[in-house]
All heavy atoms as atom14 arrays in JSON, in Angstrom:
{
  "sequence": "FRQGPGKEREFVASHVHKDGSTYYADSVKGRF",
  "atom14_mask": [
    [1, 1, 1, 1, 1, 1, 1, 1, 1, 1, 1, 0, 0, 0],
    [1, 1, 1, 1, 1, 1, 1, 1, 1, 1, 1, 0, 0, 0],
    [1, 1, 1, 1, 1, 1, 1, 1, 1, 0, 0, 0, 0, 0],
    [1, 1, 1, 1, 0, 0, 0, 0, 0, 0, 0, 0, 0, 0],
    [1, 1, 1, 1, 1, 1, 1, 0, 0, 0, 0, 0, 0, 0],
    [1, 1, 1, 1, 0, 0, 0, 0, 0, 0, 0, 0, 0, 0],
    [1, 1, 1, 1, 1, 1, 1, 1, 1, 0, 0, 0, 0, 0],
    [1, 1, 1, 1, 1, 1, 1, 1, 1, 0, 0, 0, 0, 0],
    [1, 1, 1, 1, 1, 1, 1, 1, 1, 1, 1, 0, 0, 0],
    [1, 1, 1, 1, 1, 1, 1, 1, 1, 0, 0, 0, 0, 0],
    [1, 1, 1, 1, 1, 1, 1, 1, 1, 1, 1, 0, 0, 0],
    [1, 1, 1, 1, 1, 1, 1, 0, 0, 0, 0, 0, 0, 0],
    [1, 1, 1, 1, 1, 0, 0, 0, 0, 0, 0, 0, 0, 0],
    [1, 1, 1, 1, 1, 1, 0, 0, 0, 0, 0, 0, 0, 0],
    [1, 1, 1, 1, 1, 1, 1, 1, 1, 1, 0, 0, 0, 0],
    [1, 1, 1, 1, 1, 1, 1, 0, 0, 0, 0, 0, 0, 0],
    [1, 1, 1, 1, 1, 1, 1, 1, 1, 1, 0, 0, 0, 0],
    [1, 1, 1, 1, 1, 1, 1, 1, 1, 0, 0, 0, 0, 0],
    [1, 1, 1, 1, 1, 1, 1, 1, 0, 0, 0, 0, 0, 0],
    [1, 1, 1, 1, 0, 0, 0, 0, 0, 0, 0, 0, 0, 0],
    [1, 1, 1, 1, 1, 1, 0, 0, 0, 0, 0, 0, 0, 0],
    [1, 1, 1, 1, 1, 1, 1, 0, 0, 0, 0, 0, 0, 0],
    [1, 1, 1, 1, 1, 1, 1, 1, 1, 1, 1, 1, 0, 0],
    [1, 1, 1, 1, 1, 1, 1, 1, 1, 1, 1, 1, 0, 0],
    [1, 1, 1, 1, 1, 0, 0, 0, 0, 0, 0, 0, 0, 0],
    [1, 1, 1, 1, 1, 1, 1, 1, 0, 0, 0, 0, 0, 0],
    [1, 1, 1, 1, 1, 1, 0, 0, 0, 0, 0, 0, 0, 0],
    [1, 1, 1, 1, 1, 1, 1, 0, 0, 0, 0, 0, 0, 0],
    [1, 1, 1, 1, 1, 1, 1, 1, 1, 0, 0, 0, 0, 0],
    [1, 1, 1, 1, 0, 0, 0, 0, 0, 0, 0, 0, 0, 0],
    [1, 1, 1, 1, 1, 1, 1, 1, 1, 1, 1, 0, 0, 0],
    [1, 1, 1, 1, 1, 1, 1, 1, 1, 1, 1, 0, 0, 0]
  ],
  "atom14_positions": [
    [[11.0, 10.66, -5.57], [10.84, 10.62, -4.13], [10.87, 12.06, -3.63], [11.26, 12.97, -4.35], [11.96, 9.82, -3.47], [11.9, 8.34, -3.74], [12.25, 7.82, -4.97], [11.5, 7.47, -2.74], [12.2, 6.46, -5.21], [11.44, 6.11, -2.97], [11.79, 5.6, -4.21], [0.0, 0.0, 0.0], [0.0, 0.0, 0.0], [0.0, 0.0, 0.0]],
    [[10.47, 12.25, -2.39], [10.54, 13.58, -1.8], [10.82, 13.49, -0.31], [10.52, 12.49, 0.33], [9.26, 14.38, -2.05], [8.03, 13.85, -1.32], [6.79, 14.63, -1.72], [5.6, 14.19, -1.02], [4.37, 14.62, -1.27], [4.17, 15.51, -2.23], [3.34, 14.16, -0.57], [0.0, 0.0, 0.0], [0.0, 0.0, 0.0], [0.0, 0.0, 0.0]],
    [[11.37, 14.56, 0.23], [11.65, 14.63, 1.65], [11.28, 16.02, 2.16], [11.93, 17.01, 1.8], [13.12, 14.33, 1.94], [13.45, 14.26, 3.42], [14.84, 13.69, 3.67], [15.64, 13.56, 2.75], [15.11, 13.34, 4.9], [0.0, 0.0, 0.0], [0.0, 0.0, 0.0], [0.0, 0.0, 0.0], [0.0, 0.0, 0.0], [0.0, 0.0, 0.0]],
    [[10.24, 16.1, 2.97], [9.8, 17.35, 3.55], [10.58, 17.67, 4.81], [11.31, 16.84, 5.35], [0.0, 0.0, 0.0], [0.0, 0.0, 0.0], [0.0, 0.0, 0.0], [0.0, 0.0, 0.0], [0.0, 0.0, 0.0], [0.0, 0.0, 0.0], [0.0, 0.0, 0.0], [0.0, 0.0, 0.0], [0.0, 0.0, 0.0], [0.0, 0.0, 0.0]],
    [[10.42, 18.89, 5.33], [11.12, 19.32, 6.55], [10.81, 18.4, 7.73], [9.65, 18.17, 8.06], [10.58, 20.73, 6.8], [10.11, 21.19, 5.45], [9.56, 19.96, 4.79], [0.0, 0.0, 0.0], [0.0, 0.0, 0.0], [0.0, 0.0, 0.0], [0.0, 0.0, 0.0], [0.0, 0.0, 0.0], [0.0, 0.0, 0.0], [0.0, 0.0, 0.0]],
    [[11.84, 17.85, 8.34], [11.67, 16.98, 9.49], [11.07, 15.63, 9.19], [10.67, 14.92, 10.13], [0.0, 0.0, 0.0], [0.0, 0.0, 0.0], [0.0, 0.0, 0.0], [0.0, 0.0, 0.0], [0.0, 0.0, 0.0], [0.0, 0.0, 0.0], [0.0, 0.0, 0.0], [0.0, 0.0, 0.0], [0.0, 0.0, 0.0], [0.0, 0.0, 0.0]],
    [[11.01, 15.25, 7.94], [10.42, 13.98, 7.55], [11.42, 13.07, 6.86], [12.47, 13.52, 6.4], [9.22, 14.2, 6.62], [8.08, 15.0, 7.22], [6.94, 15.16, 6.22], [5.78, 15.93, 6.81], [4.68, 16.08, 5.83], [0.0, 0.0, 0.0], [0.0, 0.0, 0.0], [0.0, 0.0, 0.0], [0.0, 0.0, 0.0], [0.0, 0.0, 0.0]],
    [[11.07, 11.79, 6.79], [11.88, 10.83, 6.05], [11.56, 10.91, 4.56], [10.49, 11.36, 4.17], [11.62, 9.42, 6.55], [11.96, 9.18, 8.01], [13.44, 9.32, 8.28], [14.25, 8.91, 7.41], [13.8, 9.83, 9.35], [0.0, 0.0, 0.0], [0.0, 0.0, 0.0], [0.0, 0.0, 0.0], [0.0, 0.0, 0.0], [0.0, 0.0, 0.0]],
    [[12.49, 10.48, 3.75], [12.26, 10.45, 2.32], [11.15, 9.44, 2.0], [11.14, 8.33, 2.53], [13.54, 10.07, 1.58], [13.44, 10.19, 0.07], [14.8, 10.0, -0.6], [15.75, 11.01, -0.18], [16.98, 11.14, -0.69], [17.39, 10.31, -1.64], [17.79, 12.09, -0.23], [0.0, 0.0, 0.0], [0.0, 0.0, 0.0], [0.0, 0.0, 0.0]],
    [[10.22, 9.83, 1.12], [9.09, 8.99, 0.8], [8.91, 8.85, -0.71], [9.26, 9.74, -1.48], [7.8, 9.52, 1.42], [7.37, 10.88, 0.88], [6.05, 11.36, 1.47], [5.38, 10.59, 2.18], [5.68, 12.53, 1.21], [0.0, 0.0, 0.0], [0.0, 0.0, 0.0], [0.0, 0.0, 0.0], [0.0, 0.0, 0.0], [0.0, 0.0, 0.0]],
    [[8.32, 7.75, -1.11], [8.02, 7.48, -2.51], [6.9, 8.37, -3.01], [5.93, 8.61, -2.29], [7.63, 6.01, -2.67], [7.05, 5.68, -4.01], [7.87, 5.51, -5.12], [5.68, 5.53, -4.17], [7.34, 5.19, -6.36], [5.14, 5.22, -5.4], [5.97, 5.05, -6.5], [0.0, 0.0, 0.0], [0.0, 0.0, 0.0], [0.0, 0.0, 0.0]],
    [[7.02, 8.86, -4.25], [5.99, 9.69, -4.86], [5.38, 9.02, -6.08], [4.16, 8.84, -6.15], [6.55, 11.07, -5.26], [5.48, 11.89, -5.98], [7.06, 11.82, -4.03], [0.0, 0.0, 0.0], [0.0, 0.0, 0.0], [0.0, 0.0, 0.0], [0.0, 0.0, 0.0], [0.0, 0.0, 0.0], [0.0, 0.0, 0.0], [0.0, 0.0, 0.0]],
    [[6.21, 8.64, -7.05], [5.71, 8.05, -8.28], [6.82, 7.31, -9.0], [8.0, 7.61, -8.81], [5.13, 9.13, -9.21], [0.0, 0.0, 0.0], [0.0, 0.0, 0.0], [0.0, 0.0, 0.0], [0.0, 0.0, 0.0], [0.0, 0.0, 0.0], [0.0, 0.0, 0.0], [0.0, 0.0, 0.0], [0.0, 0.0, 0.0], [0.0, 0.0, 0.0]],
    [[6.46, 6.33, -9.83], [7.45, 5.61, -10.61], [6.91, 5.24, -11.98], [5.7, 5.13, -12.18], [7.92, 4.34, -9.87], [6.86, 3.41, -9.73], [0.0, 0.0, 0.0], [0.0, 0.0, 0.0], [0.0, 0.0, 0.0], [0.0, 0.0, 0.0], [0.0, 0.0, 0.0], [0.0, 0.0, 0.0], [0.0, 0.0, 0.0], [0.0, 0.0, 0.0]],
    [[7.83, 5.03, -12.92], [7.51, 4.65, -14.28], [8.38, 3.46, -14.63], [9.6, 3.58, -14.72], [7.78, 5.82, -15.23], [7.36, 5.57, -16.65], [8.08, 4.8, -17.52], [6.28, 6.02, -17.34], [7.47, 4.76, -18.7], [6.38, 5.5, -18.61], [0.0, 0.0, 0.0], [0.0, 0.0, 0.0], [0.0, 0.0, 0.0], [0.0, 0.0, 0.0]],
    [[7.75, 2.29, -14.81], [8.48, 1.04, -15.05], [8.93, 0.97, -16.51], [8.13, 1.19, -17.42], [7.61, -0.17, -14.7], [8.37, -1.47, -14.98], [7.18, -0.11, -13.25], [0.0, 0.0, 0.0], [0.0, 0.0, 0.0], [0.0, 0.0, 0.0], [0.0, 0.0, 0.0], [0.0, 0.0, 0.0], [0.0, 0.0, 0.0], [0.0, 0.0, 0.0]],
    [[10.19, 0.63, -16.72], [10.75, 0.67, -18.07], [10.19, -0.39, -19.0], [10.1, -0.17, -20.2], [12.28, 0.53, -17.99], [12.74, -0.84, -17.56], [12.72, -1.26, -16.26], [13.25, -1.87, -18.29], [13.19, -2.49, -16.18], [13.52, -2.88, -17.4], [0.0, 0.0, 0.0], [0.0, 0.0, 0.0], [0.0, 0.0, 0.0], [0.0, 0.0, 0.0]],
    [[9.8, -1.56, -18.47], [9.38, -2.68, -19.31], [8.1, -2.4, -20.09], [8.05, -2.63, -21.29], [9.19, -3.94, -18.47], [10.48, -4.6, -18.05], [10.19, -5.95, -17.42], [11.47, -6.7, -17.12], [11.18, -8.05, -16.55], [0.0, 0.0, 0.0], [0.0, 0.0, 0.0], [0.0, 0.0, 0.0], [0.0, 0.0, 0.0], [0.0, 0.0, 0.0]],
    [[7.09, -1.92, -19.41], [5.78, -1.77, -20.05], [5.15, -0.39, -19.87], [4.02, -0.18, -20.3], [4.82, -2.83, -19.53], [4.65, -2.81, -18.03], [5.19, -1.9, -17.38], [3.97, -3.71, -17.5], [0.0, 0.0, 0.0], [0.0, 0.0, 0.0], [0.0, 0.0, 0.0], [0.0, 0.0, 0.0], [0.0, 0.0, 0.0], [0.0, 0.0, 0.0]],
    [[5.85, 0.52, -19.23], [5.33, 1.85, -19.03], [4.34, 1.98, -17.89], [3.67, 3.01, -17.78], [0.0, 0.0, 0.0], [0.0, 0.0, 0.0], [0.0, 0.0, 0.0], [0.0, 0.0, 0.0], [0.0, 0.0, 0.0], [0.0, 0.0, 0.0], [0.0, 0.0, 0.0], [0.0, 0.0, 0.0], [0.0, 0.0, 0.0], [0.0, 0.0, 0.0]],
    [[4.23, 0.95, -17.06], [3.33, 1.01, -15.92], [3.74, 2.13, -14.98], [4.93, 2.41, -14.81], [3.32, -0.31, -15.16], [2.85, -1.36, -15.98], [0.0, 0.0, 0.0], [0.0, 0.0, 0.0], [0.0, 0.0, 0.0], [0.0, 0.0, 0.0], [0.0, 0.0, 0.0], [0.0, 0.0, 0.0], [0.0, 0.0, 0.0], [0.0, 0.0, 0.0]],
    [[2.75, 2.76, -14.36], [3.02, 3.83, -13.42], [2.4, 3.53, -12.07], [1.36, 2.86, -11.98], [2.48, 5.18, -13.94], [1.07, 5.07, -14.18], [3.18, 5.57, -15.23], [0.0, 0.0, 0.0], [0.0, 0.0, 0.0], [0.0, 0.0, 0.0], [0.0, 0.0, 0.0], [0.0, 0.0, 0.0], [0.0, 0.0, 0.0], [0.0, 0.0, 0.0]],
    [[3.03, 4.05, -11.02], [2.56, 3.86, -9.66], [2.68, 5.18, -8.92], [3.6, 5.96, -9.16], [3.37, 2.77, -8.95], [3.29, 1.43, -9.62], [4.2, 1.08, -10.62], [2.3, 0.52, -9.28], [4.11, -0.15, -11.25], [2.2, -0.7, -9.91], [3.12, -1.03, -10.9], [3.03, -2.25, -11.53], [0.0, 0.0, 0.0], [0.0, 0.0, 0.0]],
    [[1.74, 5.41, -8.01], [1.69, 6.66, -7.27], [1.42, 6.43, -5.8], [0.69, 5.5, -5.43], [0.6, 7.57, -7.82], [0.79, 7.97, -9.27], [0.24, 7.22, -10.29], [1.52, 9.11, -9.59], [0.42, 7.58, -11.62], [1.71, 9.48, -10.91], [1.15, 8.71, -11.92], [1.33, 9.08, -13.23], [0.0, 0.0, 0.0], [0.0, 0.0, 0.0]],
    [[1.98, 7.29, -4.98], [1.62, 7.3, -3.58], [0.18, 7.8, -3.45], [-0.29, 8.61, -4.24], [2.56, 8.22, -2.79], [0.0, 0.0, 0.0], [0.0, 0.0, 0.0], [0.0, 0.0, 0.0], [0.0, 0.0, 0.0], [0.0, 0.0, 0.0], [0.0, 0.0, 0.0], [0.0, 0.0, 0.0], [0.0, 0.0, 0.0], [0.0, 0.0, 0.0]],
    [[-0.53, 7.29, -2.44], [-1.93, 7.69, -2.25], [-2.09, 9.2, -2.1], [-3.09, 9.77, -2.54], [-2.51, 6.99, -1.02], [-2.74, 5.51, -1.24], [-2.8, 5.08, -2.41], [-2.86, 4.78, -0.24], [0.0, 0.0, 0.0], [0.0, 0.0, 0.0], [0.0, 0.0, 0.0], [0.0, 0.0, 0.0], [0.0, 0.0, 0.0], [0.0, 0.0, 0.0]],
    [[-1.11, 9.84, -1.51], [-1.19, 11.26, -1.24], [-1.17, 12.14, -2.49], [-1.56, 13.3, -2.44], [-0.06, 11.69, -0.3], [1.2, 11.41, -0.87], [0.0, 0.0, 0.0], [0.0, 0.0, 0.0], [0.0, 0.0, 0.0], [0.0, 0.0, 0.0], [0.0, 0.0, 0.0], [0.0, 0.0, 0.0], [0.0, 0.0, 0.0], [0.0, 0.0, 0.0]],
    [[-0.72, 11.58, -3.62], [-0.61, 12.37, -4.85], [-1.47, 11.85, -5.99], [-1.52, 12.48, -7.05], [0.85, 12.48, -5.32], [1.74, 13.01, -4.2], [1.37, 11.14, -5.83], [0.0, 0.0, 0.0], [0.0, 0.0, 0.0], [0.0, 0.0, 0.0], [0.0, 0.0, 0.0], [0.0, 0.0, 0.0], [0.0, 0.0, 0.0], [0.0, 0.0, 0.0]],
    [[-2.16, 10.74, -5.8], [-3.01, 10.18, -6.86], [-4.06, 11.19, -7.3], [-4.71, 11.82, -6.48], [-3.68, 8.9, -6.38], [-2.77, 7.7, -6.3], [-3.54, 6.46, -5.86], [-2.63, 5.25, -5.8], [-3.35, 4.04, -5.33], [0.0, 0.0, 0.0], [0.0, 0.0, 0.0], [0.0, 0.0, 0.0], [0.0, 0.0, 0.0], [0.0, 0.0, 0.0]],
    [[-4.21, 11.32, -8.61], [-5.17, 12.26, -9.16], [-4.64, 13.66, -9.32], [-5.29, 14.49, -9.97], [0.0, 0.0, 0.0], [0.0, 0.0, 0.0], [0.0, 0.0, 0.0], [0.0, 0.0, 0.0], [0.0, 0.0, 0.0], [0.0, 0.0, 0.0], [0.0, 0.0, 0.0], [0.0, 0.0, 0.0], [0.0, 0.0, 0.0], [0.0, 0.0, 0.0]],
    [[-3.49, 13.95, -8.74], [-2.89, 15.28, -8.83], [-1.57, 15.29, -9.58], [-1.27, 16.25, -10.29], [-2.69, 15.87, -7.44], [-3.97, 16.02, -6.63], [-3.72, 16.81, -5.34], [-2.76, 16.14, -4.46], [-1.62, 16.68, -4.06], [-1.27, 17.9, -4.45], [-0.8, 16.0, -3.25], [0.0, 0.0, 0.0], [0.0, 0.0, 0.0], [0.0, 0.0, 0.0]],
    [[-0.77, 14.24, -9.42], [0.55, 14.16, -10.06], [0.52, 13.15, -11.19], [-0.19, 12.13, -11.12], [1.62, 13.74, -9.05], [1.93, 14.76, -7.99], [1.17, 15.9, -7.82], [3.02, 14.56, -7.15], [1.46, 16.83, -6.83], [3.34, 15.48, -6.17], [2.56, 16.61, -6.01], [0.0, 0.0, 0.0], [0.0, 0.0, 0.0], [0.0, 0.0, 0.0]]
  ]
}
């Protein structure tokens, strides 16, 4: 997760333990 200046904490990316699935926020897809 991340929290920028004056902003709320937001989700960035996750890695699920069961099967290794990954998820990304739209703002970082293709970059992170």
